[in-house]
């Protein structure tokens, strides 16, 4: 008998790691998309569609010269987050925080999403095009 729960988990794991389908080397790298998102958010602040406080916690995750992952905060500080990175990503993918991609609001009963609930996500441009 097939364990559907285990199969579902394996398929999801392969998809998250970019191993479910072949990667197209001609695709735009996620870093370009993330930069475009950051620029659009800045423009939205200038136009008054977003408040500066809405993007003040946005960060950039990058690999340092020592091949470790770091997160740069809006105030210019940098923190090593290598212990948060669960696996290596395929070429063209990037790690990012959920808050860099979307705004989230209070829950239906007034509860806030806490920082502990926000995870680091791999970003693949193909995934976003679906």
N, C-alpha and C. Protein backbone atom coordinates (compact mmCIF):
# COMPACT_ATOMS: atom_id res chain seq x y z
N UNK A 1 0.85 -1.18 0.00
CA UNK A 1 0.00 0.00 0.00
C UNK A 1 0.90 1.25 0.00
N UNK A 2 0.49 2.27 -0.71
CA UNK A 2 1.24 3.50 -0.81
C UNK A 2 0.87 4.43 0.35
N UNK A 3 1.88 4.94 1.02
CA UNK A 3 1.66 5.91 2.10
C UNK A 3 1.52 7.28 1.45
N UNK A 4 0.27 7.74 1.23
CA UNK A 4 0.04 8.99 0.50
C UNK A 4 0.60 10.20 1.23
N UNK A 5 0.57 10.17 2.56
CA UNK A 5 1.11 11.31 3.30
C UNK A 5 2.62 11.42 3.08
N UNK A 6 3.33 10.31 3.15
CA UNK A 6 4.79 10.31 2.93
C UNK A 6 5.11 10.71 1.49
N UNK A 7 4.31 10.21 0.54
CA UNK A 7 4.52 10.56 -0.87
C UNK A 7 4.31 12.06 -1.09
N UNK A 8 3.26 12.61 -0.50
CA UNK A 8 2.96 14.05 -0.62
C UNK A 8 4.13 14.87 -0.05
N UNK A 9 4.63 14.45 1.11
CA UNK A 9 5.74 15.16 1.74
C UNK A 9 7.01 15.09 0.89
N UNK A 10 7.25 13.94 0.28
CA UNK A 10 8.44 13.78 -0.58
C UNK A 10 8.34 14.67 -1.82
N UNK A 11 7.17 14.72 -2.42
CA UNK A 11 6.97 15.56 -3.61
C UNK A 11 7.15 17.03 -3.26
N UNK A 12 6.59 17.46 -2.13
CA UNK A 12 6.74 18.84 -1.69
C UNK A 12 8.21 19.16 -1.41
N UNK A 13 8.90 18.25 -0.76
CA UNK A 13 10.32 18.45 -0.48
C UNK A 13 11.13 18.59 -1.77
N UNK A 14 10.87 17.73 -2.75
CA UNK A 14 11.57 17.83 -4.03
C UNK A 14 11.25 19.15 -4.73
N UNK A 15 9.99 19.60 -4.67
CA UNK A 15 9.61 20.86 -5.31
C UNK A 15 10.31 22.04 -4.66
N UNK A 16 10.34 22.06 -3.32
CA UNK A 16 10.98 23.17 -2.61
C UNK A 16 12.46 23.24 -2.93
N UNK A 17 13.09 22.10 -3.13
CA UNK A 17 14.52 22.06 -3.41
C UNK A 17 14.84 22.23 -4.89
N UNK A 18 13.81 22.39 -5.73
CA UNK A 18 14.03 22.60 -7.15
C UNK A 18 14.42 21.35 -7.89
N UNK A 19 14.05 20.19 -7.37
CA UNK A 19 14.46 18.93 -7.98
C UNK A 19 13.30 18.15 -8.59
N UNK A 20 12.13 18.75 -8.62
CA UNK A 20 10.97 18.06 -9.16
C UNK A 20 10.96 18.11 -10.69
N UNK A 21 11.38 19.22 -11.23
CA UNK A 21 11.46 19.38 -12.69
C UNK A 21 12.83 19.98 -13.02
N UNK A 22 13.30 19.78 -14.25
CA UNK A 22 14.59 20.38 -14.62
C UNK A 22 14.52 21.90 -14.55
N UNK A 23 15.61 22.53 -14.12
CA UNK A 23 15.69 23.98 -14.05
C UNK A 23 16.12 24.53 -15.40
N UNK A 24 15.50 25.60 -15.83
CA UNK A 24 15.82 26.23 -17.10
C UNK A 24 16.88 27.30 -16.87
N UNK A 25 18.10 27.10 -17.39
CA UNK A 25 19.16 28.08 -17.17
C UNK A 25 18.88 29.44 -17.83
N UNK A 26 17.89 29.51 -18.71
CA UNK A 26 17.56 30.76 -19.39
C UNK A 26 16.61 31.62 -18.56
N UNK A 27 16.07 31.08 -17.47
CA UNK A 27 15.16 31.85 -16.63
C UNK A 27 15.90 32.99 -15.94
N UNK A 28 15.19 34.08 -15.72
CA UNK A 28 15.73 35.22 -14.99
C UNK A 28 16.04 34.78 -13.55
N UNK A 29 17.19 35.13 -13.01
CA UNK A 29 17.49 34.76 -11.63
C UNK A 29 16.55 35.47 -10.65
N UNK A 30 16.28 34.82 -9.54
CA UNK A 30 15.39 35.38 -8.53
C UNK A 30 15.95 36.67 -7.96
N UNK A 31 17.27 36.83 -7.94
CA UNK A 31 17.87 38.06 -7.41
C UNK A 31 17.39 39.28 -8.18
N UNK A 32 17.19 39.14 -9.47
CA UNK A 32 16.70 40.25 -10.30
C UNK A 32 15.25 40.58 -9.92
N UNK A 33 14.45 39.54 -9.74
CA UNK A 33 13.06 39.75 -9.33
C UNK A 33 12.98 40.41 -7.96
N UNK A 34 13.79 39.95 -7.01
CA UNK A 34 13.78 40.54 -5.67
C UNK A 34 14.20 42.01 -5.71
N UNK A 35 15.17 42.34 -6.53
CA UNK A 35 15.59 43.74 -6.65
C UNK A 35 14.46 44.59 -7.23
N UNK A 36 13.76 44.04 -8.22
CA UNK A 36 12.62 44.76 -8.81
C UNK A 36 11.52 44.97 -7.77
N UNK A 37 11.27 43.98 -6.93
CA UNK A 37 10.27 44.12 -5.87
C UNK A 37 10.68 45.22 -4.90
N UNK A 38 11.97 45.25 -4.51
CA UNK A 38 12.44 46.30 -3.60
C UNK A 38 12.27 47.69 -4.21
N UNK A 39 12.59 47.82 -5.49
CA UNK A 39 12.44 49.11 -6.17
C UNK A 39 10.96 49.52 -6.25
N UNK A 40 10.09 48.57 -6.55
CA UNK A 40 8.66 48.88 -6.63
C UNK A 40 8.11 49.32 -5.27
N UNK A 41 8.58 48.69 -4.21
CA UNK A 41 8.14 49.10 -2.87
C UNK A 41 8.61 50.52 -2.57
N UNK A 42 9.83 50.86 -2.94
CA UNK A 42 10.33 52.23 -2.73
C UNK A 42 9.47 53.23 -3.51
N UNK A 43 9.11 52.89 -4.74
CA UNK A 43 8.26 53.76 -5.55
C UNK A 43 6.87 53.91 -4.91
N UNK A 44 6.35 52.84 -4.35
CA UNK A 44 5.04 52.90 -3.70
C UNK A 44 5.08 53.79 -2.46
N UNK A 45 6.20 53.81 -1.76
CA UNK A 45 6.36 54.71 -0.62
C UNK A 45 6.36 56.15 -1.11
N UNK A 46 7.10 56.42 -2.18
CA UNK A 46 7.17 57.78 -2.74
C UNK A 46 5.80 58.27 -3.21
N UNK A 47 4.99 57.34 -3.75
CA UNK A 47 3.66 57.71 -4.25
C UNK A 47 2.60 57.71 -3.14
N UNK A 48 2.98 57.30 -1.94
CA UNK A 48 2.05 57.29 -0.83
C UNK A 48 1.16 56.06 -0.75
N UNK A 49 1.44 55.06 -1.58
CA UNK A 49 0.64 53.83 -1.55
C UNK A 49 1.08 52.90 -0.43
N UNK A 50 2.29 53.07 0.03
CA UNK A 50 2.83 52.34 1.18
C UNK A 50 3.43 53.36 2.13
N UNK A 51 3.44 53.01 3.39
CA UNK A 51 4.11 53.86 4.37
C UNK A 51 5.53 53.36 4.57
N UNK A 52 6.44 54.26 4.90
CA UNK A 52 7.84 53.88 5.11
C UNK A 52 7.96 52.79 6.17
N UNK A 53 7.09 52.83 7.17
CA UNK A 53 7.14 51.81 8.23
C UNK A 53 6.81 50.42 7.68
N UNK A 54 6.09 50.36 6.55
CA UNK A 54 5.72 49.07 5.96
C UNK A 54 6.91 48.33 5.37
N UNK A 55 7.98 49.05 5.04
CA UNK A 55 9.14 48.40 4.45
C UNK A 55 10.39 48.52 5.31
N UNK A 56 10.26 49.11 6.49
CA UNK A 56 11.44 49.34 7.33
C UNK A 56 12.08 48.05 7.81
N UNK A 57 11.33 46.96 7.86
CA UNK A 57 11.89 45.69 8.33
C UNK A 57 12.31 44.76 7.20
N UNK A 58 12.24 45.23 5.96
CA UNK A 58 12.69 44.41 4.83
C UNK A 58 14.20 44.18 4.93
N UNK A 59 14.62 42.99 4.60
CA UNK A 59 16.03 42.63 4.66
C UNK A 59 16.47 42.01 3.35
N UNK A 60 17.77 41.86 3.20
CA UNK A 60 18.35 41.21 2.02
C UNK A 60 19.22 40.07 2.52
N UNK A 61 18.99 38.87 2.00
CA UNK A 61 19.80 37.71 2.35
C UNK A 61 20.80 37.49 1.22
N UNK A 62 22.06 37.32 1.59
CA UNK A 62 23.11 37.14 0.57
C UNK A 62 24.17 36.18 1.09
N UNK A 63 24.99 35.71 0.16
CA UNK A 63 26.13 34.86 0.50
C UNK A 63 27.37 35.72 0.56
N UNK A 64 28.11 35.61 1.65
CA UNK A 64 29.33 36.38 1.82
C UNK A 64 30.50 35.73 1.10
N UNK A 65 31.64 36.41 1.14
CA UNK A 65 32.85 35.88 0.51
C UNK A 65 33.28 34.56 1.15
N UNK A 66 32.89 34.34 2.40
CA UNK A 66 33.22 33.10 3.10
C UNK A 66 32.22 31.98 2.80
N UNK A 67 31.30 32.22 1.83
CA UNK A 67 30.29 31.26 1.39
C UNK A 67 29.22 30.99 2.45
N UNK A 68 29.10 31.84 3.45
CA UNK A 68 28.06 31.74 4.47
C UNK A 68 26.93 32.71 4.13
N UNK A 69 25.73 32.42 4.61
CA UNK A 69 24.58 33.28 4.35
C UNK A 69 24.47 34.36 5.43
N UNK A 70 24.19 35.59 4.97
CA UNK A 70 24.05 36.73 5.87
C UNK A 70 22.76 37.45 5.53
N UNK A 71 22.26 38.20 6.51
CA UNK A 71 21.07 39.01 6.31
C UNK A 71 21.42 40.45 6.63
N UNK A 72 21.15 41.34 5.68
CA UNK A 72 21.42 42.77 5.88
C UNK A 72 20.11 43.46 6.19
N UNK A 73 20.11 44.21 7.29
CA UNK A 73 18.92 44.91 7.75
C UNK A 73 18.93 46.36 7.26
N UNK A 74 17.77 47.01 7.35
CA UNK A 74 17.61 48.38 6.85
C UNK A 74 18.56 49.36 7.51
N UNK A 75 18.94 49.10 8.77
CA UNK A 75 19.85 50.01 9.46
C UNK A 75 21.31 49.77 9.11
N UNK A 76 21.56 48.81 8.20
CA UNK A 76 22.92 48.54 7.74
C UNK A 76 23.63 47.42 8.47
N UNK A 77 23.04 46.94 9.56
CA UNK A 77 23.68 45.85 10.29
C UNK A 77 23.54 44.55 9.51
N UNK A 78 24.50 43.66 9.73
CA UNK A 78 24.53 42.38 9.04
C UNK A 78 24.66 41.27 10.08
N UNK A 79 23.91 40.19 9.88
CA UNK A 79 23.92 39.07 10.81
C UNK A 79 24.10 37.78 10.03
N UNK A 80 24.94 36.89 10.53
CA UNK A 80 25.11 35.57 9.92
C UNK A 80 23.88 34.72 10.25
N UNK A 81 23.25 34.15 9.22
CA UNK A 81 22.05 33.32 9.42
C UNK A 81 22.26 31.91 8.87
N UNK A 82 23.50 31.50 8.78
CA UNK A 82 23.80 30.19 8.19
C UNK A 82 23.04 29.06 8.89
N UNK A 83 22.81 29.20 10.18
CA UNK A 83 22.10 28.16 10.92
C UNK A 83 20.62 28.08 10.54
N UNK A 84 20.09 29.09 9.83
CA UNK A 84 18.70 29.08 9.39
C UNK A 84 18.52 28.50 7.99
N UNK A 85 19.62 28.29 7.29
CA UNK A 85 19.55 27.83 5.90
C UNK A 85 19.56 26.30 5.88
N UNK A 86 18.43 25.67 5.51
CA UNK A 86 18.34 24.22 5.61
C UNK A 86 19.00 23.43 4.48
N UNK A 87 19.16 24.05 3.29
CA UNK A 87 19.76 23.33 2.17
C UNK A 87 20.22 24.32 1.11
N UNK A 88 21.07 23.84 0.22
CA UNK A 88 21.55 24.67 -0.89
C UNK A 88 20.45 24.75 -1.96
N UNK A 89 20.39 25.88 -2.61
CA UNK A 89 19.38 26.10 -3.64
C UNK A 89 19.95 25.90 -5.04
N UNK A 90 19.08 25.59 -6.00
CA UNK A 90 19.53 25.51 -7.39
C UNK A 90 20.02 26.87 -7.89
N UNK A 91 20.78 26.86 -8.94
CA UNK A 91 21.28 28.08 -9.58
C UNK A 91 20.11 28.99 -9.94
N UNK A 92 20.22 30.26 -9.60
CA UNK A 92 19.19 31.25 -9.95
C UNK A 92 18.14 31.45 -8.87
N UNK A 93 18.12 30.61 -7.84
CA UNK A 93 17.18 30.76 -6.74
C UNK A 93 17.83 31.60 -5.65
N UNK A 94 17.02 32.19 -4.79
CA UNK A 94 17.51 33.02 -3.69
C UNK A 94 16.67 32.76 -2.45
N UNK A 95 17.27 32.93 -1.29
CA UNK A 95 16.53 32.89 -0.03
C UNK A 95 16.01 34.30 0.25
N UNK A 96 14.79 34.37 0.81
CA UNK A 96 14.22 35.65 1.20
C UNK A 96 13.23 35.43 2.34
N UNK A 97 12.88 36.49 3.00
CA UNK A 97 11.85 36.43 4.05
C UNK A 97 10.50 36.69 3.42
N UNK A 98 9.48 36.14 3.99
CA UNK A 98 8.12 36.31 3.49
C UNK A 98 7.74 37.78 3.42
N UNK A 99 8.16 38.56 4.40
CA UNK A 99 7.82 39.97 4.43
C UNK A 99 8.39 40.77 3.27
N UNK A 100 9.43 40.26 2.62
CA UNK A 100 10.00 40.95 1.45
C UNK A 100 9.12 40.78 0.22
N UNK A 101 8.23 39.80 0.25
CA UNK A 101 7.38 39.52 -0.91
C UNK A 101 5.96 40.03 -0.76
N UNK A 102 5.49 40.10 0.48
CA UNK A 102 4.09 40.48 0.68
C UNK A 102 3.91 41.11 2.05
N UNK A 103 2.86 41.90 2.17
CA UNK A 103 2.50 42.44 3.46
C UNK A 103 1.51 41.48 4.09
N UNK A 104 1.59 41.35 5.37
CA UNK A 104 0.61 40.55 6.07
C UNK A 104 0.01 41.40 7.17
N UNK A 105 -1.24 41.17 7.41
CA UNK A 105 -2.00 41.99 8.35
C UNK A 105 -2.39 41.15 9.56
N UNK A 106 -3.10 41.78 10.47
CA UNK A 106 -3.60 41.08 11.66
C UNK A 106 -4.56 39.98 11.24
N UNK A 107 -4.60 38.94 12.06
CA UNK A 107 -5.49 37.82 11.81
C UNK A 107 -6.94 38.20 12.06
N UNK A 108 -7.86 37.28 11.80
CA UNK A 108 -9.29 37.59 11.92
C UNK A 108 -9.72 37.92 13.35
N UNK A 109 -8.96 37.47 14.33
CA UNK A 109 -9.33 37.74 15.71
C UNK A 109 -8.35 38.72 16.36
N UNK A 110 -7.64 39.50 15.54
CA UNK A 110 -6.76 40.52 16.05
C UNK A 110 -5.36 40.07 16.38
N UNK A 111 -5.05 38.80 16.14
CA UNK A 111 -3.71 38.30 16.47
C UNK A 111 -2.71 38.72 15.39
N UNK A 112 -1.50 39.02 15.80
CA UNK A 112 -0.44 39.38 14.87
C UNK A 112 0.35 38.15 14.49
N UNK A 113 0.91 38.16 13.29
CA UNK A 113 1.87 37.14 12.91
C UNK A 113 3.18 37.58 13.55
N UNK A 114 3.79 36.72 14.32
CA UNK A 114 5.03 37.07 15.00
C UNK A 114 6.23 36.76 14.12
N UNK A 115 7.36 37.36 14.44
CA UNK A 115 8.58 37.12 13.68
C UNK A 115 8.94 35.64 13.71
N UNK A 116 8.66 34.95 14.79
CA UNK A 116 8.96 33.53 14.90
C UNK A 116 8.16 32.71 13.88
N UNK A 117 7.02 33.24 13.45
CA UNK A 117 6.19 32.52 12.47
C UNK A 117 6.65 32.74 11.04
N UNK A 118 7.45 33.78 10.82
CA UNK A 118 7.91 34.10 9.47
C UNK A 118 9.18 33.32 9.21
N UNK A 119 9.15 32.53 8.16
CA UNK A 119 10.29 31.67 7.86
C UNK A 119 11.07 32.21 6.67
N UNK A 120 12.28 31.73 6.50
CA UNK A 120 13.07 32.05 5.32
C UNK A 120 12.60 31.16 4.20
N UNK A 121 12.36 31.73 3.04
CA UNK A 121 11.84 30.97 1.91
C UNK A 121 12.80 30.97 0.73
N UNK A 122 12.90 29.85 0.04
CA UNK A 122 13.64 29.89 -1.21
C UNK A 122 12.75 30.57 -2.25
N UNK A 123 13.34 31.36 -3.08
CA UNK A 123 12.55 32.04 -4.10
C UNK A 123 13.03 31.60 -5.46
N UNK A 124 12.12 31.10 -6.23
CA UNK A 124 12.41 30.70 -7.60
C UNK A 124 11.47 31.48 -8.50
N UNK A 125 12.01 32.14 -9.50
CA UNK A 125 11.19 32.93 -10.40
C UNK A 125 10.13 32.07 -11.08
N UNK A 126 10.48 30.84 -11.48
CA UNK A 126 9.50 29.95 -12.11
C UNK A 126 8.33 29.69 -11.20
N UNK A 127 8.59 29.51 -9.92
CA UNK A 127 7.54 29.23 -8.95
C UNK A 127 6.54 30.38 -8.92
N UNK A 128 7.04 31.61 -8.98
CA UNK A 128 6.17 32.78 -8.91
C UNK A 128 5.37 32.96 -10.20
N UNK A 129 5.87 32.45 -11.33
CA UNK A 129 5.17 32.60 -12.60
C UNK A 129 3.97 31.67 -12.70
N UNK A 130 3.91 30.63 -11.88
CA UNK A 130 2.82 29.64 -11.96
C UNK A 130 1.50 30.25 -11.57
